Amino acid sequence: MTERQTGKPFLKRLGGFPYRHKKLSVVLVILAGFTVFRLVSGQAAPFGRPDGPEPVYVELGSASFGDMRELGRYYGSLSAPNRFLLSTKAAGEIKSLSADIGDRLETGQLVASLDDEEYVLARDRAVLSVRLAEAQLAEARANLELAESDMRRQSSLTQKSIVTQSEYEAAENRLLQAKARLDVAQSQLQSSRNQLADAELRLSYTRVVASWPEQEAGGTRYVGSRLASEGQLVTANTPLYELVSLDPLLVVVDVIEKDYPKFFVGMEADLSTEAYPGQTFKGRVLRVAPVLSSDSRQARLELEVANPGLRLKPGMYADVVFVFDEHRDVWSVDEDVPFRRQDGYVIFQADTGTGTVTQVPVTLGLVENGRVELVGSGPIGTPVVTLGQHLLQDGQPFKVAGDAVLPPLPEVGPKAVVEDGAGDGTGHSAGIGQGGAS
């Protein structure tokens, strides 16, 4: 059975045809149906009759007047500019951890302590060593004073020829030995003091404090994660906490080569996140990489984002919008309104009074949110054709597609009843193409 013989309504069959754009399909169906009806009913002029062009069914819209911007959209992640691991400097058992995830820390604040018994004993031994060295130094100084006194006496007696030269030389050697012992005692004392300082330093390592330069921006730190537990045996350089700064934050994006010349330090941008839909945050370009990756042809860009309320967190996904250019007080239309012809782009303005369209050449400019700028265009006070413009010519009549009213098409096929008596006289239907009257 052929498609004509199925008896399906024409519009239903045409609706199943695979048009890409449904709106255009509807307009074409309306136009075709209305044309068929007029031809069948004798209202339309046959082809070649000089009664003027048929109107084209279109949809109308309006132009907008305002500001247009050239936007660049990139995606990145928020990160903390100051982020580090706070680790132990000594080995031992963790006695206590006084900070946890989310806690706010100030520089110099105690956050953990280790078992210090071994380090206290080492410090005490160093203290005793210092005391012993100080006593030895005092003894050496006393011996030196005695040797100096004896040397003065021997020198006086030698001048009077009371003592021999050998006795004088012996006194001189005792003086030199006393000076040498004093130097040794002073060195031993300094060494003992250094050992004491080292022991006290190692003892201080059992008290873990959070510290960083106070002059850094965002001097407060927060515990991002805790990496150890009380009672755990640790070695030196074992991480205990991850500390981060939350104000300001950084956003890192990779920009393409085409947009790279448009960026500069200090450039502002709007950021949005999935956590706060509909809200924007201000960012400022902090650094622009001087080189592009040879693999991706992209450059690293870092933005600083003020975060006074600490609502933004490192790791959040960021949608970053840059404004590359802005044109004020311009006319724009939907992006699919301008129609490209051989000599450039045109739009059609619809005169609802005369029912005809006027072709207007246009130059396209910035594109934003589905609208395109009409560069140098004058005021557009009449509606513009938004659908069906590819069927139009300058001065052609038009009708609005939504105003079209189609009468029912004459039925064809097996169910068409012959009402003029041209059938078989029995009242049965005569199908076209089935041997009945046509």
Protein backbone atom coordinates (compact mmCIF):
# COMPACT_ATOMS: atom_id res chain seq x y z
CA MET A 1 0.00 0.00 0.00
CA THR A 2 1.41 3.42 -0.95
CA GLU A 3 1.64 6.40 1.41
CA ARG A 4 -1.22 8.04 -0.52
CA GLN A 5 -3.38 5.02 0.09
CA THR A 6 -2.96 4.93 3.86
CA GLY A 7 -5.47 7.71 4.35
CA LYS A 8 -3.34 9.45 7.02
CA PRO A 9 -3.95 13.19 7.26
CA PHE A 10 -1.49 15.24 5.31
CA LEU A 11 -0.41 17.35 8.28
CA LYS A 12 0.30 14.25 10.36
CA ARG A 13 2.52 12.80 7.66
CA LEU A 14 4.34 16.10 7.17
CA GLY A 15 4.85 16.48 10.97
CA GLY A 16 6.91 13.31 11.01
CA PHE A 17 9.37 14.68 8.42
CA PRO A 18 12.78 15.15 10.14
CA TYR A 19 13.16 18.94 10.15
CA ARG A 20 15.94 20.23 12.35
CA HIS A 21 14.11 23.30 13.56
CA LYS A 22 10.57 22.71 14.78
CA LYS A 23 9.52 26.36 14.57
CA LEU A 24 10.56 26.54 10.92
CA SER A 25 8.71 23.28 10.26
CA VAL A 26 5.50 24.72 11.69
CA VAL A 27 5.81 27.85 9.56
CA LEU A 28 6.40 25.82 6.39
CA VAL A 29 3.50 23.49 7.15
CA ILE A 30 1.17 26.44 7.72
CA LEU A 31 2.36 28.16 4.56
CA ALA A 32 2.03 25.00 2.45
CA GLY A 33 -1.41 24.16 3.82
CA PHE A 34 -2.75 27.64 3.32
CA THR A 35 -1.39 27.76 -0.23
CA VAL A 36 -2.98 24.39 -1.08
CA PHE A 37 -6.31 25.53 0.33
CA ARG A 38 -6.30 28.73 -1.71
CA LEU A 39 -5.40 26.85 -4.87
CA VAL A 40 -8.13 24.29 -4.30
CA SER A 41 -10.74 26.91 -3.42
CA GLY A 42 -9.73 29.15 -6.33
CA GLN A 43 -8.69 32.04 -4.08
CA ALA A 44 -5.03 31.98 -5.14
CA ALA A 45 -3.80 33.04 -8.49
CA PRO A 46 -2.27 30.33 -10.68
CA PHE A 47 1.47 30.38 -11.19
CA GLY A 48 2.55 33.05 -13.62
CA ARG A 49 -0.45 35.31 -12.95
CA PRO A 50 0.86 38.87 -12.28
CA ASP A 51 -1.03 39.41 -8.99
CA GLY A 52 2.18 40.08 -6.88
CA PRO A 53 4.22 37.84 -4.56
CA GLU A 54 2.54 35.68 -1.99
CA PRO A 55 3.02 36.76 1.64
CA VAL A 56 5.50 34.78 3.72
CA TYR A 57 4.51 33.66 7.19
CA VAL A 58 7.10 34.81 9.73
CA GLU A 59 7.61 35.40 13.40
CA LEU A 60 8.42 38.86 14.74
CA GLY A 61 10.49 40.16 17.60
CA SER A 62 12.01 43.39 18.75
CA ALA A 63 15.50 44.87 18.95
CA SER A 64 17.01 45.93 22.27
CA PHE A 65 18.92 49.09 23.16
CA GLY A 66 21.53 49.03 25.88
CA ASP A 67 25.07 47.98 26.74
CA MET A 68 26.91 45.00 25.23
CA ARG A 69 30.00 43.30 26.63
CA GLU A 70 32.57 40.88 25.30
CA LEU A 71 32.95 38.23 27.96
CA GLY A 72 35.51 35.52 28.57
CA ARG A 73 34.49 32.57 30.73
CA TYR A 74 36.94 30.24 32.41
CA TYR A 75 36.74 27.59 35.08
CA GLY A 76 39.11 26.90 37.93
CA SER A 77 39.37 25.92 41.58
CA LEU A 78 39.74 27.96 44.74
CA SER A 79 42.94 27.34 46.68
CA ALA A 80 44.65 28.71 49.78
CA PRO A 81 47.70 30.87 49.01
CA ASN A 82 49.27 29.88 52.36
CA ARG A 83 48.97 26.18 52.96
CA PHE A 84 51.49 23.99 54.78
CA LEU A 85 51.95 20.92 56.97
CA LEU A 86 52.76 21.49 60.63
CA SER A 87 55.17 18.69 61.60
CA THR A 88 57.09 17.56 64.67
CA LYS A 89 60.75 18.41 65.09
CA ALA A 90 61.40 15.68 67.66
CA ALA A 91 60.58 12.01 68.07
CA GLY A 92 58.36 10.64 70.81
CA GLU A 93 54.86 9.77 71.88
CA ILE A 94 52.08 12.30 71.35
CA LYS A 95 50.67 13.19 74.76
CA SER A 96 48.00 15.65 73.62
CA LEU A 97 46.58 17.38 70.55
CA SER A 98 44.82 20.63 71.37
CA ALA A 99 43.51 21.57 67.87
CA ASP A 100 41.13 19.92 65.46
CA ILE A 101 39.60 20.44 62.02
CA GLY A 102 38.21 23.93 61.51
CA ASP A 103 39.90 25.50 64.56
CA ARG A 104 41.26 29.01 64.18
CA LEU A 105 44.91 29.40 65.18
CA GLU A 106 47.14 32.35 65.97
CA THR A 107 50.89 32.34 65.52
CA GLY A 108 52.69 30.92 68.56
CA GLN A 109 49.67 28.93 69.75
CA LEU A 110 50.35 25.52 71.33
CA VAL A 111 48.68 22.75 69.32
CA ALA A 112 50.38 19.51 70.51
CA SER A 113 52.80 18.13 73.11
CA LEU A 114 55.06 15.07 73.13
CA ASP A 115 56.40 12.94 75.98
CA ASP A 116 59.37 15.00 77.23
CA GLU A 117 60.91 12.77 79.95
CA GLU A 118 63.95 11.85 77.87
CA TYR A 119 64.50 15.45 76.81
CA VAL A 120 64.21 16.73 80.40
CA LEU A 121 66.92 14.29 81.51
CA ALA A 122 69.19 15.43 78.70
CA ARG A 123 68.61 19.03 79.70
CA ASP A 124 69.45 18.27 83.34
CA ARG A 125 72.68 16.55 82.33
CA ALA A 126 73.62 19.57 80.30
CA VAL A 127 72.94 21.83 83.29
CA LEU A 128 75.30 19.75 85.47
CA SER A 129 77.92 19.84 82.75
CA VAL A 130 77.75 23.62 82.69
CA ARG A 131 78.13 23.83 86.43
CA LEU A 132 81.15 21.54 86.37
CA ALA A 133 82.74 23.59 83.59
CA GLU A 134 82.13 26.77 85.55
CA ALA A 135 83.89 25.25 88.59
CA GLN A 136 86.82 24.15 86.48
CA LEU A 137 87.05 27.64 85.01
CA ALA A 138 87.10 29.16 88.50
CA GLU A 139 89.88 26.78 89.53
CA ALA A 140 91.87 27.63 86.40
CA ARG A 141 91.56 31.33 87.11
CA ALA A 142 92.76 30.80 90.71
CA ASN A 143 95.74 28.78 89.51
CA LEU A 144 96.56 31.49 87.00
CA GLU A 145 96.52 34.15 89.69
CA LEU A 146 98.80 32.01 91.86
CA ALA A 147 101.20 31.41 88.98
CA GLU A 148 101.29 35.13 88.16
CA SER A 149 102.06 35.95 91.82
CA ASP A 150 104.81 33.36 91.96
CA MET A 151 106.27 34.68 88.71
CA ARG A 152 106.43 38.20 90.08
CA ARG A 153 108.23 36.99 93.19
CA GLN A 154 110.69 34.87 91.23
CA SER A 155 111.41 37.80 88.94
CA SER A 156 112.20 40.03 91.92
CA LEU A 157 114.46 37.43 93.53
CA THR A 158 116.24 36.78 90.26
CA GLN A 159 117.12 40.44 89.95
CA LYS A 160 118.66 40.25 93.46
CA SER A 161 120.46 37.01 92.50
CA ILE A 162 118.70 35.18 95.29
CA VAL A 163 117.25 32.41 93.09
CA THR A 164 118.83 30.64 90.22
CA GLN A 165 117.91 31.02 86.60
CA SER A 166 116.40 27.52 86.52
CA GLU A 167 113.98 28.37 89.33
CA TYR A 168 112.89 31.47 87.43
CA GLU A 169 112.26 29.45 84.27
CA ALA A 170 110.25 26.89 86.26
CA ALA A 171 108.01 29.66 87.58
CA GLU A 172 107.61 31.01 84.06
CA ASN A 173 106.49 27.56 82.78
CA ARG A 174 103.95 27.26 85.59
CA LEU A 175 102.47 30.59 84.51
CA LEU A 176 102.16 29.47 80.90
CA GLN A 177 100.50 26.21 81.99
CA ALA A 178 98.03 28.11 84.16
CA LYS A 179 97.06 30.32 81.22
CA ALA A 180 96.57 27.26 78.99
CA ARG A 181 94.40 25.54 81.60
CA LEU A 182 92.29 28.69 81.83
CA ASP A 183 91.77 28.68 78.05
CA VAL A 184 90.75 24.99 78.18
CA ALA A 185 88.33 25.66 81.05
CA GLN A 186 86.74 28.54 79.16
CA SER A 187 86.32 26.35 76.05
CA GLN A 188 84.80 23.54 78.07
CA LEU A 189 82.36 25.94 79.66
CA GLN A 190 81.29 27.30 76.28
CA SER A 191 80.84 23.76 74.97
CA SER A 192 78.74 22.83 77.99
CA ARG A 193 76.59 25.90 77.52
CA ASN A 194 76.06 25.00 73.88
CA GLN A 195 75.03 21.50 74.89
CA LEU A 196 72.59 22.97 77.39
CA ALA A 197 71.12 25.24 74.73
CA ASP A 198 70.75 22.26 72.40
CA ALA A 199 69.09 20.21 75.11
CA GLU A 200 66.68 23.03 75.91
CA LEU A 201 65.91 23.47 72.22
CA ARG A 202 65.15 19.77 71.82
CA LEU A 203 63.00 19.93 74.91
CA SER A 204 61.07 22.84 73.38
CA TYR A 205 60.39 20.69 70.31
CA THR A 206 58.15 18.51 72.47
CA ARG A 207 55.75 21.47 72.56
CA VAL A 208 54.47 21.94 68.99
CA VAL A 209 53.34 25.48 68.26
CA ALA A 210 51.84 26.94 65.10
CA SER A 211 54.05 29.70 63.77
CA TRP A 212 54.40 31.75 60.59
CA PRO A 213 55.46 35.30 59.72
CA GLU A 214 52.94 37.65 61.33
CA GLN A 215 53.28 40.24 58.55
CA GLU A 216 51.82 37.86 55.94
CA ALA A 217 48.42 38.76 54.50
CA GLY A 218 45.73 36.80 56.22
CA GLY A 219 47.75 36.18 59.40
CA THR A 220 45.16 33.82 60.86
CA ARG A 221 45.36 30.14 59.97
CA TYR A 222 42.80 27.35 60.17
CA VAL A 223 43.19 23.63 60.67
CA GLY A 224 42.37 22.02 57.34
CA SER A 225 42.94 18.45 58.53
CA ARG A 226 44.38 16.57 61.51
CA LEU A 227 46.91 13.92 60.52
CA ALA A 228 47.85 12.24 63.84
CA SER A 229 46.29 10.92 67.05
CA GLU A 230 47.12 11.06 70.74
CA GLY A 231 49.32 8.18 71.90
CA GLN A 232 50.88 7.76 68.48
CA LEU A 233 54.66 7.30 68.30
CA VAL A 234 56.14 9.71 65.81
CA THR A 235 59.54 10.52 64.43
CA ALA A 236 60.93 13.91 63.59
CA ASN A 237 59.18 15.64 60.66
CA THR A 238 55.94 13.68 61.09
CA PRO A 239 52.97 15.86 59.92
CA LEU A 240 50.40 16.59 62.62
CA TYR A 241 48.14 19.20 60.97
CA GLU A 242 47.48 20.84 57.65
CA LEU A 243 47.09 24.59 58.15
CA VAL A 244 45.52 26.93 55.59
CA SER A 245 44.70 30.61 55.23
CA LEU A 246 41.18 31.47 54.07
CA ASP A 247 41.31 35.19 53.37
CA PRO A 248 42.23 35.98 50.69
CA LEU A 249 41.95 32.92 48.44
CA LEU A 250 43.41 32.17 45.03
CA VAL A 251 41.74 30.98 41.84
CA VAL A 252 43.94 29.34 39.23
CA VAL A 253 42.72 29.14 35.61
CA ASP A 254 44.40 28.25 32.32
CA VAL A 255 43.72 30.79 29.56
CA ILE A 256 43.88 30.05 25.86
CA GLU A 257 46.31 31.68 23.47
CA LYS A 258 43.63 33.74 21.71
CA ASP A 259 42.60 35.50 24.93
CA TYR A 260 46.06 35.72 26.51
CA PRO A 261 46.84 39.30 25.30
CA LYS A 262 43.62 40.56 26.94
CA PHE A 263 44.74 39.79 30.51
CA PHE A 264 46.79 42.05 32.77
CA VAL A 265 47.65 42.27 36.47
CA GLY A 266 44.90 44.10 38.36
CA MET A 267 42.14 43.09 35.94
CA GLU A 268 38.86 42.37 37.75
CA ALA A 269 36.55 39.41 37.29
CA ASP A 270 33.29 38.02 38.67
CA LEU A 271 33.28 34.58 40.27
CA SER A 272 30.41 32.25 41.05
CA THR A 273 30.29 28.84 42.69
CA GLU A 274 27.83 25.98 42.86
CA ALA A 275 27.66 26.42 46.63
CA TYR A 276 26.13 29.90 46.27
CA PRO A 277 24.02 29.96 43.10
CA GLY A 278 23.04 33.41 41.90
CA GLN A 279 25.75 35.15 43.95
CA THR A 280 28.96 36.63 42.59
CA PHE A 281 32.30 37.40 44.22
CA LYS A 282 34.94 39.84 43.07
CA GLY A 283 38.39 38.68 41.99
CA ARG A 284 41.51 40.48 40.82
CA VAL A 285 44.27 39.14 38.57
CA LEU A 286 47.34 38.72 40.75
CA ARG A 287 49.77 36.98 38.40
CA VAL A 288 49.94 36.18 34.68
CA ALA A 289 52.41 33.52 33.59
CA PRO A 290 54.95 34.91 31.10
CA VAL A 291 54.98 31.66 29.11
CA LEU A 292 52.39 29.33 27.57
CA SER A 293 52.55 25.57 27.81
CA SER A 294 53.94 24.04 24.64
CA ASP A 295 51.52 21.12 25.02
CA SER A 296 48.21 22.89 25.71
CA ARG A 297 49.03 26.39 24.40
CA GLN A 298 47.56 27.77 27.61
CA ALA A 299 48.95 30.08 30.29
CA ARG A 300 48.45 29.97 34.06
CA LEU A 301 46.51 32.84 35.57
CA GLU A 302 46.12 33.48 39.31
CA LEU A 303 43.37 35.63 40.78
CA GLU A 304 43.07 36.88 44.35
CA VAL A 305 39.59 36.72 45.88
CA ALA A 306 38.69 38.60 49.04
CA ASN A 307 36.87 36.32 51.48
CA PRO A 308 36.02 38.39 54.58
CA GLY A 309 33.07 36.22 55.59
CA LEU A 310 35.02 33.00 54.97
CA ARG A 311 32.14 31.68 52.88
CA LEU A 312 34.41 30.46 50.13
CA LYS A 313 36.58 27.43 50.83
CA PRO A 314 39.66 25.98 49.12
CA GLY A 315 38.74 23.28 46.63
CA MET A 316 35.46 24.85 45.50
CA TYR A 317 34.77 24.94 41.77
CA ALA A 318 34.79 28.50 40.41
CA ASP A 319 33.15 29.95 37.29
CA VAL A 320 35.19 33.05 36.37
CA VAL A 321 33.86 35.70 33.98
CA PHE A 322 36.11 38.43 32.57
CA VAL A 323 34.91 41.55 30.72
CA PHE A 324 37.23 42.07 27.74
CA ASP A 325 35.30 44.91 26.07
CA GLU A 326 32.12 46.93 26.60
CA HIS A 327 30.01 49.02 24.19
CA ARG A 328 27.40 51.33 25.65
CA ASP A 329 24.05 52.37 24.14
CA VAL A 330 23.97 50.04 21.13
CA TRP A 331 21.22 48.12 19.33
CA SER A 332 21.16 44.34 19.46
CA VAL A 333 18.97 41.46 18.29
CA ASP A 334 18.82 37.74 18.88
CA GLU A 335 21.89 36.01 17.51
CA ASP A 336 19.95 34.05 14.86
CA VAL A 337 18.09 37.11 13.47
CA PRO A 338 20.82 38.42 11.09
CA PHE A 339 20.77 36.42 7.85
CA ARG A 340 23.92 36.04 5.79
CA ARG A 341 23.64 36.83 2.10
CA GLN A 342 26.24 37.10 -0.59
CA ASP A 343 27.08 40.73 0.16
CA GLY A 344 26.93 40.45 3.96
CA TYR A 345 24.48 40.18 6.84
CA VAL A 346 20.97 41.63 6.68
CA ILE A 347 17.92 41.86 8.90
CA PHE A 348 14.31 42.41 7.87
CA GLN A 349 12.22 45.09 9.55
CA ALA A 350 8.49 44.51 9.41
CA ASP A 351 6.09 47.38 8.71
CA THR A 352 2.82 46.23 10.27
CA GLY A 353 0.98 49.08 8.57
CA THR A 354 1.81 48.10 4.98
CA GLY A 355 2.36 44.43 5.73
CA THR A 356 5.76 44.40 3.97
CA VAL A 357 9.37 43.96 5.07
CA THR A 358 12.43 46.14 4.48
CA GLN A 359 15.87 44.60 4.07
CA VAL A 360 18.51 46.39 6.16
CA PRO A 361 22.26 45.60 5.81
CA VAL A 362 23.97 45.29 9.20
CA THR A 363 27.45 44.84 10.63
CA LEU A 364 27.75 42.47 13.57
CA GLY A 365 29.69 43.30 16.71
CA LEU A 366 29.87 41.90 20.24
CA VAL A 367 27.94 38.78 21.20
CA GLU A 368 26.55 38.34 24.72
CA ASN A 369 23.97 35.90 26.10
CA GLY A 370 22.53 34.96 22.73
CA ARG A 371 22.30 38.53 21.40
CA VAL A 372 24.51 40.22 18.83
CA GLU A 373 25.37 43.90 18.50
CA LEU A 374 24.40 45.79 15.33
CA VAL A 375 27.41 48.06 14.86
CA GLY A 376 26.55 51.65 13.89
CA SER A 377 22.86 50.87 13.55
CA GLY A 378 20.30 53.63 13.91
CA PRO A 379 17.13 53.34 16.00
CA ILE A 380 15.12 50.21 15.26
CA GLY A 381 11.57 51.13 16.14
CA THR A 382 9.72 48.50 14.11
CA PRO A 383 9.59 44.76 14.73
CA VAL A 384 12.24 42.57 13.14
CA VAL A 385 11.71 39.16 11.55
CA THR A 386 13.03 36.45 13.85
CA LEU A 387 11.92 33.37 11.89
CA GLY A 388 11.39 32.87 8.19
CA GLN A 389 13.81 35.58 7.07
CA HIS A 390 15.58 33.23 4.62
CA LEU A 391 12.38 33.20 2.53
CA LEU A 392 12.09 36.98 2.28
CA GLN A 393 13.11 39.61 -0.24
CA ASP A 394 13.12 43.38 0.15
CA GLY A 395 9.54 44.74 0.01
CA GLN A 396 7.88 41.31 0.21
CA PRO A 397 4.53 41.05 2.03
CA PHE A 398 4.38 39.03 5.22
CA LYS A 399 1.93 37.57 7.66
CA VAL A 400 2.55 36.58 11.24
CA ALA A 401 2.59 32.81 11.61
CA GLY A 402 0.56 32.89 14.81
CA ASP A 403 -2.28 34.66 13.02
CA ALA A 404 -2.69 31.98 10.32
CA VAL A 405 -5.98 30.02 10.45
CA LEU A 406 -6.07 26.96 8.25
CA PRO A 407 -9.45 25.50 7.18
CA PRO A 408 -9.65 21.70 7.19
CA LEU A 409 -8.04 20.15 4.15
CA PRO A 410 -10.28 17.99 1.89
CA GLU A 411 -9.93 14.39 2.85
CA VAL A 412 -8.30 12.01 0.44
CA GLY A 413 -7.99 8.26 0.51
CA PRO A 414 -10.41 5.42 1.26
CA LYS A 415 -12.55 7.49 3.67
CA ALA A 416 -13.34 10.35 1.25
CA VAL A 417 -17.11 10.21 0.54
CA VAL A 418 -18.29 11.32 -2.90
CA GLU A 419 -21.16 13.68 -2.14
CA ASP A 420 -21.93 14.75 -5.73
CA GLY A 421 -23.28 11.37 -6.77
CA ALA A 422 -20.23 10.43 -8.79
CA GLY A 423 -19.84 7.15 -6.90
CA ASP A 424 -21.49 3.85 -7.46
CA GLY A 425 -24.89 5.03 -6.14
CA THR A 426 -24.63 2.98 -2.99
CA GLY A 427 -23.17 5.66 -0.74
CA HIS A 428 -19.84 3.81 -0.47
CA SER A 429 -16.64 5.82 -0.59
CA ALA A 430 -14.48 5.86 -3.65
CA GLY A 431 -10.74 5.91 -2.86
CA ILE A 432 -8.43 7.84 -5.10
CA GLY A 433 -6.18 5.46 -6.88
CA GLN A 434 -8.42 2.49 -6.02
CA GLY A 435 -10.53 2.48 -9.12
CA GLY A 436 -13.25 4.84 -7.81
CA ALA A 437 -14.23 8.18 -9.28
CA SER A 438 -11.54 10.78 -9.01
